[in-house]
Amino acid sequence: NRRIDEGLSEIKRLQQLNSFNFLICLHPRLGFSEDPRDDYYEEKAHQFGFPSFRMYDYYKCSGVAPCNLVLKQFPEDRTHPNELGHEIIANAMFLELKKNGFINGGLSCSGK
């Protein structure tokens, strides 16, 4: 897909110009019942030198049924997860950022 190549090329250019890290989260459509693996996007991330990870793996590991990630107010929306889905995404992002060396350690709070 030309638009994906153009978008990733632009991100790569900006990354080199401004020295920032970039991580791609491959998020499935919600309501899936089996692994919706699409190697195309993983291959594109690799082609441009961007680390990526699949949210499906984290959803599966959490043991949460896909139907429990759908927004109750908008059940037809299979793209945006509910609060529980966002919590799982936040944890996955934290782990992947650490795994890729983009952040160190955990969160700290001085209590002040």
N, C-alpha and C. Protein backbone atom coordinates (compact mmCIF):
# COMPACT_ATOMS: atom_id res chain seq x y z
N ASN A 1 0.84 -1.17 0.00
CA ASN A 1 0.00 0.00 0.00
C ASN A 1 0.89 1.24 0.00
N ARG A 2 0.72 2.06 -1.01
CA ARG A 2 1.56 3.25 -1.19
C ARG A 2 1.42 4.23 -0.03
N ARG A 3 0.21 4.42 0.48
CA ARG A 3 0.00 5.37 1.58
C ARG A 3 0.74 4.95 2.84
N ILE A 4 0.78 3.67 3.11
CA ILE A 4 1.51 3.18 4.28
C ILE A 4 3.00 3.43 4.10
N ASP A 5 3.53 3.11 2.93
CA ASP A 5 4.95 3.37 2.65
C ASP A 5 5.28 4.85 2.79
N GLU A 6 4.43 5.70 2.24
CA GLU A 6 4.67 7.15 2.33
C GLU A 6 4.63 7.62 3.78
N GLY A 7 3.64 7.15 4.54
CA GLY A 7 3.53 7.55 5.94
C GLY A 7 4.72 7.09 6.76
N LEU A 8 5.13 5.83 6.61
CA LEU A 8 6.26 5.32 7.35
C LEU A 8 7.57 5.98 6.91
N SER A 9 7.68 6.30 5.63
CA SER A 9 8.86 7.03 5.14
C SER A 9 8.96 8.40 5.79
N GLU A 10 7.83 9.07 5.91
CA GLU A 10 7.82 10.40 6.54
C GLU A 10 8.16 10.30 8.02
N ILE A 11 7.63 9.30 8.71
CA ILE A 11 7.97 9.12 10.13
C ILE A 11 9.46 8.83 10.27
N LYS A 12 10.01 7.99 9.40
CA LYS A 12 11.44 7.67 9.44
C LYS A 12 12.27 8.93 9.22
N ARG A 13 11.87 9.75 8.27
CA ARG A 13 12.59 11.00 7.99
C ARG A 13 12.56 11.91 9.22
N LEU A 14 11.39 12.07 9.81
CA LEU A 14 11.26 12.92 11.00
C LEU A 14 12.02 12.34 12.19
N GLN A 15 12.02 11.03 12.30
CA GLN A 15 12.75 10.36 13.38
C GLN A 15 14.25 10.65 13.27
N GLN A 16 14.79 10.56 12.08
CA GLN A 16 16.21 10.81 11.87
C GLN A 16 16.55 12.28 12.09
N LEU A 17 15.65 13.15 11.69
CA LEU A 17 15.86 14.59 11.83
C LEU A 17 15.77 15.03 13.28
N ASN A 18 14.86 14.42 14.05
CA ASN A 18 14.58 14.88 15.42
C ASN A 18 14.96 13.90 16.52
N SER A 19 15.55 12.79 16.18
CA SER A 19 16.04 11.80 17.15
C SER A 19 14.99 11.38 18.19
N PHE A 20 13.91 10.75 17.73
CA PHE A 20 12.92 10.21 18.64
C PHE A 20 12.70 8.73 18.33
N ASN A 21 12.18 8.02 19.33
CA ASN A 21 11.87 6.60 19.16
C ASN A 21 10.46 6.45 18.64
N PHE A 22 10.21 5.35 17.94
CA PHE A 22 8.89 5.10 17.38
C PHE A 22 8.58 3.62 17.53
N LEU A 23 7.43 3.32 18.08
CA LEU A 23 6.98 1.95 18.32
C LEU A 23 5.60 1.77 17.70
N ILE A 24 5.43 0.70 16.94
CA ILE A 24 4.15 0.45 16.29
C ILE A 24 3.37 -0.62 17.04
N CYS A 25 2.15 -0.26 17.43
CA CYS A 25 1.24 -1.20 18.09
C CYS A 25 0.24 -1.69 17.04
N LEU A 26 0.27 -2.97 16.75
CA LEU A 26 -0.64 -3.57 15.77
C LEU A 26 -1.89 -4.02 16.53
N HIS A 27 -2.96 -3.27 16.37
CA HIS A 27 -4.18 -3.49 17.14
C HIS A 27 -5.24 -4.18 16.29
N PRO A 28 -5.82 -5.28 16.79
CA PRO A 28 -6.85 -5.98 16.02
C PRO A 28 -8.20 -5.29 16.11
N ARG A 29 -9.08 -5.62 15.20
CA ARG A 29 -10.48 -5.22 15.34
C ARG A 29 -11.03 -5.98 16.54
N LEU A 30 -11.84 -5.33 17.33
CA LEU A 30 -12.39 -5.99 18.51
C LEU A 30 -13.52 -6.94 18.10
N GLY A 31 -13.76 -7.91 18.94
CA GLY A 31 -14.77 -8.92 18.64
C GLY A 31 -14.16 -10.12 17.94
N PHE A 32 -12.83 -10.17 17.86
CA PHE A 32 -12.15 -11.29 17.23
C PHE A 32 -12.33 -12.55 18.05
N SER A 33 -12.31 -13.68 17.40
CA SER A 33 -12.41 -14.95 18.12
C SER A 33 -11.14 -15.78 17.95
N GLU A 34 -10.33 -15.38 16.99
CA GLU A 34 -9.05 -16.05 16.81
C GLU A 34 -8.02 -15.02 16.37
N ASP A 35 -6.78 -15.42 16.32
CA ASP A 35 -5.69 -14.51 16.00
C ASP A 35 -5.90 -13.88 14.63
N PRO A 36 -6.07 -12.55 14.59
CA PRO A 36 -6.28 -11.87 13.31
C PRO A 36 -4.96 -11.46 12.65
N ARG A 37 -3.97 -12.30 12.77
CA ARG A 37 -2.62 -11.98 12.32
C ARG A 37 -2.61 -11.49 10.88
N ASP A 38 -1.94 -10.36 10.68
CA ASP A 38 -1.73 -9.82 9.34
C ASP A 38 -0.26 -9.44 9.26
N ASP A 39 0.54 -10.31 8.67
CA ASP A 39 1.98 -10.12 8.63
C ASP A 39 2.40 -8.89 7.82
N TYR A 40 1.53 -8.38 6.96
CA TYR A 40 1.87 -7.24 6.11
C TYR A 40 2.38 -6.06 6.94
N TYR A 41 1.64 -5.70 7.99
CA TYR A 41 2.00 -4.53 8.78
C TYR A 41 3.25 -4.79 9.62
N GLU A 42 3.40 -6.01 10.10
CA GLU A 42 4.62 -6.36 10.83
C GLU A 42 5.84 -6.27 9.90
N GLU A 43 5.68 -6.75 8.68
CA GLU A 43 6.77 -6.69 7.70
C GLU A 43 7.12 -5.25 7.35
N LYS A 44 6.11 -4.40 7.21
CA LYS A 44 6.35 -2.98 6.91
C LYS A 44 7.11 -2.31 8.05
N ALA A 45 6.71 -2.59 9.29
CA ALA A 45 7.41 -2.02 10.44
C ALA A 45 8.89 -2.43 10.41
N HIS A 46 9.13 -3.72 10.17
CA HIS A 46 10.50 -4.24 10.10
C HIS A 46 11.27 -3.60 8.94
N GLN A 47 10.62 -3.46 7.80
CA GLN A 47 11.26 -2.87 6.60
C GLN A 47 11.78 -1.46 6.90
N PHE A 48 11.04 -0.69 7.71
CA PHE A 48 11.44 0.67 8.02
C PHE A 48 12.26 0.76 9.31
N GLY A 49 12.53 -0.39 9.93
CA GLY A 49 13.36 -0.41 11.13
C GLY A 49 12.64 0.00 12.40
N PHE A 50 11.30 -0.12 12.41
CA PHE A 50 10.53 0.23 13.59
C PHE A 50 10.17 -1.03 14.37
N PRO A 51 10.36 -1.02 15.67
CA PRO A 51 9.87 -2.16 16.46
C PRO A 51 8.35 -2.14 16.47
N SER A 52 7.77 -3.32 16.58
CA SER A 52 6.31 -3.41 16.62
C SER A 52 5.91 -4.54 17.55
N PHE A 53 4.66 -4.51 17.98
CA PHE A 53 4.12 -5.60 18.76
C PHE A 53 2.63 -5.73 18.46
N ARG A 54 2.10 -6.92 18.74
CA ARG A 54 0.71 -7.23 18.43
C ARG A 54 -0.12 -7.22 19.72
N MET A 55 -1.09 -6.35 19.79
CA MET A 55 -1.96 -6.27 20.96
C MET A 55 -2.74 -7.56 21.17
N TYR A 56 -3.02 -8.29 20.10
CA TYR A 56 -3.75 -9.54 20.24
C TYR A 56 -3.08 -10.44 21.28
N ASP A 57 -1.75 -10.50 21.24
CA ASP A 57 -1.01 -11.35 22.17
C ASP A 57 -1.27 -10.94 23.62
N TYR A 58 -1.32 -9.64 23.87
CA TYR A 58 -1.57 -9.15 25.23
C TYR A 58 -3.02 -9.38 25.65
N TYR A 59 -3.95 -9.17 24.72
CA TYR A 59 -5.36 -9.45 25.04
C TYR A 59 -5.53 -10.93 25.39
N LYS A 60 -4.93 -11.79 24.58
CA LYS A 60 -5.04 -13.24 24.80
C LYS A 60 -4.43 -13.62 26.15
N CYS A 61 -3.27 -13.06 26.44
CA CYS A 61 -2.57 -13.35 27.70
C CYS A 61 -3.38 -12.89 28.91
N SER A 62 -4.13 -11.80 28.75
CA SER A 62 -4.91 -11.26 29.87
C SER A 62 -6.10 -12.15 30.22
N GLY A 63 -6.51 -12.99 29.28
CA GLY A 63 -7.64 -13.88 29.52
C GLY A 63 -9.00 -13.20 29.41
N VAL A 64 -9.01 -11.96 28.92
CA VAL A 64 -10.27 -11.22 28.78
C VAL A 64 -10.92 -11.60 27.44
N ALA A 65 -12.19 -11.94 27.50
CA ALA A 65 -12.91 -12.29 26.27
C ALA A 65 -13.06 -11.05 25.40
N PRO A 66 -12.90 -11.17 24.09
CA PRO A 66 -13.00 -10.03 23.18
C PRO A 66 -14.28 -9.22 23.34
N CYS A 67 -15.38 -9.90 23.62
CA CYS A 67 -16.65 -9.18 23.77
C CYS A 67 -16.64 -8.26 24.98
N ASN A 68 -15.73 -8.50 25.92
CA ASN A 68 -15.64 -7.65 27.11
C ASN A 68 -14.77 -6.42 26.90
N LEU A 69 -14.26 -6.21 25.69
CA LEU A 69 -13.44 -5.04 25.38
C LEU A 69 -14.20 -4.01 24.56
N VAL A 70 -15.39 -4.34 24.13
CA VAL A 70 -16.19 -3.46 23.26
C VAL A 70 -16.89 -2.40 24.11
N LEU A 71 -16.95 -1.18 23.58
CA LEU A 71 -17.66 -0.10 24.25
C LEU A 71 -19.15 -0.43 24.35
N LYS A 72 -19.70 -0.38 25.55
CA LYS A 72 -21.13 -0.70 25.73
C LYS A 72 -22.02 0.33 25.03
N GLN A 73 -21.59 1.62 25.05
CA GLN A 73 -22.39 2.68 24.44
C GLN A 73 -22.43 2.59 22.91
N PHE A 74 -21.36 2.01 22.33
CA PHE A 74 -21.25 1.92 20.88
C PHE A 74 -20.81 0.50 20.48
N PRO A 75 -21.68 -0.48 20.63
CA PRO A 75 -21.29 -1.86 20.36
C PRO A 75 -20.87 -2.12 18.91
N GLU A 76 -21.26 -1.23 18.00
CA GLU A 76 -20.85 -1.41 16.60
C GLU A 76 -19.41 -0.95 16.36
N ASP A 77 -18.84 -0.21 17.30
CA ASP A 77 -17.46 0.28 17.18
C ASP A 77 -16.52 -0.85 17.56
N ARG A 78 -15.86 -1.43 16.58
CA ARG A 78 -14.93 -2.54 16.80
C ARG A 78 -13.48 -2.08 16.75
N THR A 79 -13.26 -0.76 16.86
CA THR A 79 -11.92 -0.21 16.80
C THR A 79 -11.45 0.29 18.16
N HIS A 80 -12.31 1.00 18.87
CA HIS A 80 -11.93 1.64 20.13
C HIS A 80 -12.36 0.80 21.33
N PRO A 81 -11.39 0.38 22.16
CA PRO A 81 -11.74 -0.46 23.31
C PRO A 81 -12.32 0.36 24.46
N ASN A 82 -12.91 -0.36 25.39
CA ASN A 82 -13.44 0.27 26.60
C ASN A 82 -12.31 0.50 27.60
N GLU A 83 -12.68 0.88 28.82
CA GLU A 83 -11.67 1.20 29.85
C GLU A 83 -10.75 0.02 30.13
N LEU A 84 -11.30 -1.18 30.22
CA LEU A 84 -10.48 -2.37 30.46
C LEU A 84 -9.48 -2.57 29.32
N GLY A 85 -9.94 -2.39 28.09
CA GLY A 85 -9.04 -2.52 26.94
C GLY A 85 -7.92 -1.50 27.00
N HIS A 86 -8.24 -0.26 27.39
CA HIS A 86 -7.21 0.78 27.50
C HIS A 86 -6.21 0.44 28.60
N GLU A 87 -6.67 -0.17 29.68
CA GLU A 87 -5.75 -0.57 30.75
C GLU A 87 -4.78 -1.63 30.25
N ILE A 88 -5.27 -2.59 29.50
CA ILE A 88 -4.41 -3.64 28.95
C ILE A 88 -3.42 -3.03 27.96
N ILE A 89 -3.88 -2.09 27.13
CA ILE A 89 -3.00 -1.41 26.17
C ILE A 89 -1.90 -0.64 26.91
N ALA A 90 -2.27 0.09 27.96
CA ALA A 90 -1.28 0.87 28.72
C ALA A 90 -0.20 -0.05 29.29
N ASN A 91 -0.61 -1.17 29.86
CA ASN A 91 0.37 -2.13 30.41
C ASN A 91 1.26 -2.69 29.31
N ALA A 92 0.66 -3.03 28.17
CA ALA A 92 1.43 -3.56 27.04
C ALA A 92 2.42 -2.52 26.53
N MET A 93 1.97 -1.29 26.38
CA MET A 93 2.86 -0.22 25.91
C MET A 93 4.05 -0.05 26.86
N PHE A 94 3.77 -0.03 28.16
CA PHE A 94 4.84 0.11 29.14
C PHE A 94 5.87 -1.02 28.99
N LEU A 95 5.39 -2.25 28.91
CA LEU A 95 6.30 -3.39 28.76
C LEU A 95 7.10 -3.33 27.47
N GLU A 96 6.44 -2.95 26.38
CA GLU A 96 7.13 -2.89 25.08
C GLU A 96 8.13 -1.73 25.03
N LEU A 97 7.79 -0.61 25.65
CA LEU A 97 8.74 0.52 25.71
C LEU A 97 9.99 0.12 26.49
N LYS A 98 9.79 -0.61 27.61
CA LYS A 98 10.93 -1.10 28.38
C LYS A 98 11.73 -2.12 27.57
N LYS A 99 11.03 -3.08 26.96
CA LYS A 99 11.68 -4.14 26.20
C LYS A 99 12.56 -3.58 25.09
N ASN A 100 12.12 -2.49 24.47
CA ASN A 100 12.86 -1.89 23.36
C ASN A 100 13.87 -0.84 23.82
N GLY A 101 14.03 -0.69 25.13
CA GLY A 101 15.02 0.24 25.67
C GLY A 101 14.65 1.70 25.55
N PHE A 102 13.36 2.00 25.35
CA PHE A 102 12.92 3.39 25.21
C PHE A 102 12.72 4.06 26.57
N ILE A 103 12.49 3.25 27.62
CA ILE A 103 12.37 3.77 28.98
C ILE A 103 13.09 2.82 29.92
N ASN A 104 13.44 3.32 31.08
CA ASN A 104 14.11 2.50 32.09
C ASN A 104 13.21 2.34 33.29
N GLY A 105 13.38 1.21 33.98
CA GLY A 105 12.70 1.00 35.24
C GLY A 105 11.22 1.15 35.23
N GLY A 106 10.69 1.50 36.40
CA GLY A 106 9.26 1.67 36.56
C GLY A 106 8.92 3.09 36.91
N LEU A 107 7.68 3.27 37.29
CA LEU A 107 7.21 4.59 37.69
C LEU A 107 7.64 4.88 39.11
N SER A 108 7.91 6.14 39.41
CA SER A 108 8.23 6.53 40.78
C SER A 108 7.44 7.76 41.14
N CYS A 109 7.19 7.90 42.42
CA CYS A 109 6.43 9.05 42.91
C CYS A 109 7.09 9.51 44.19
N SER A 110 7.39 10.79 44.28
CA SER A 110 8.08 11.31 45.48
C SER A 110 7.11 11.48 46.64
N GLY A 111 5.81 11.53 46.37
CA GLY A 111 4.84 11.70 47.42
C GLY A 111 4.69 13.12 47.89
N LYS A 112 5.32 14.06 47.20
CA LYS A 112 5.24 15.47 47.58
C LYS A 112 4.18 16.20 46.81
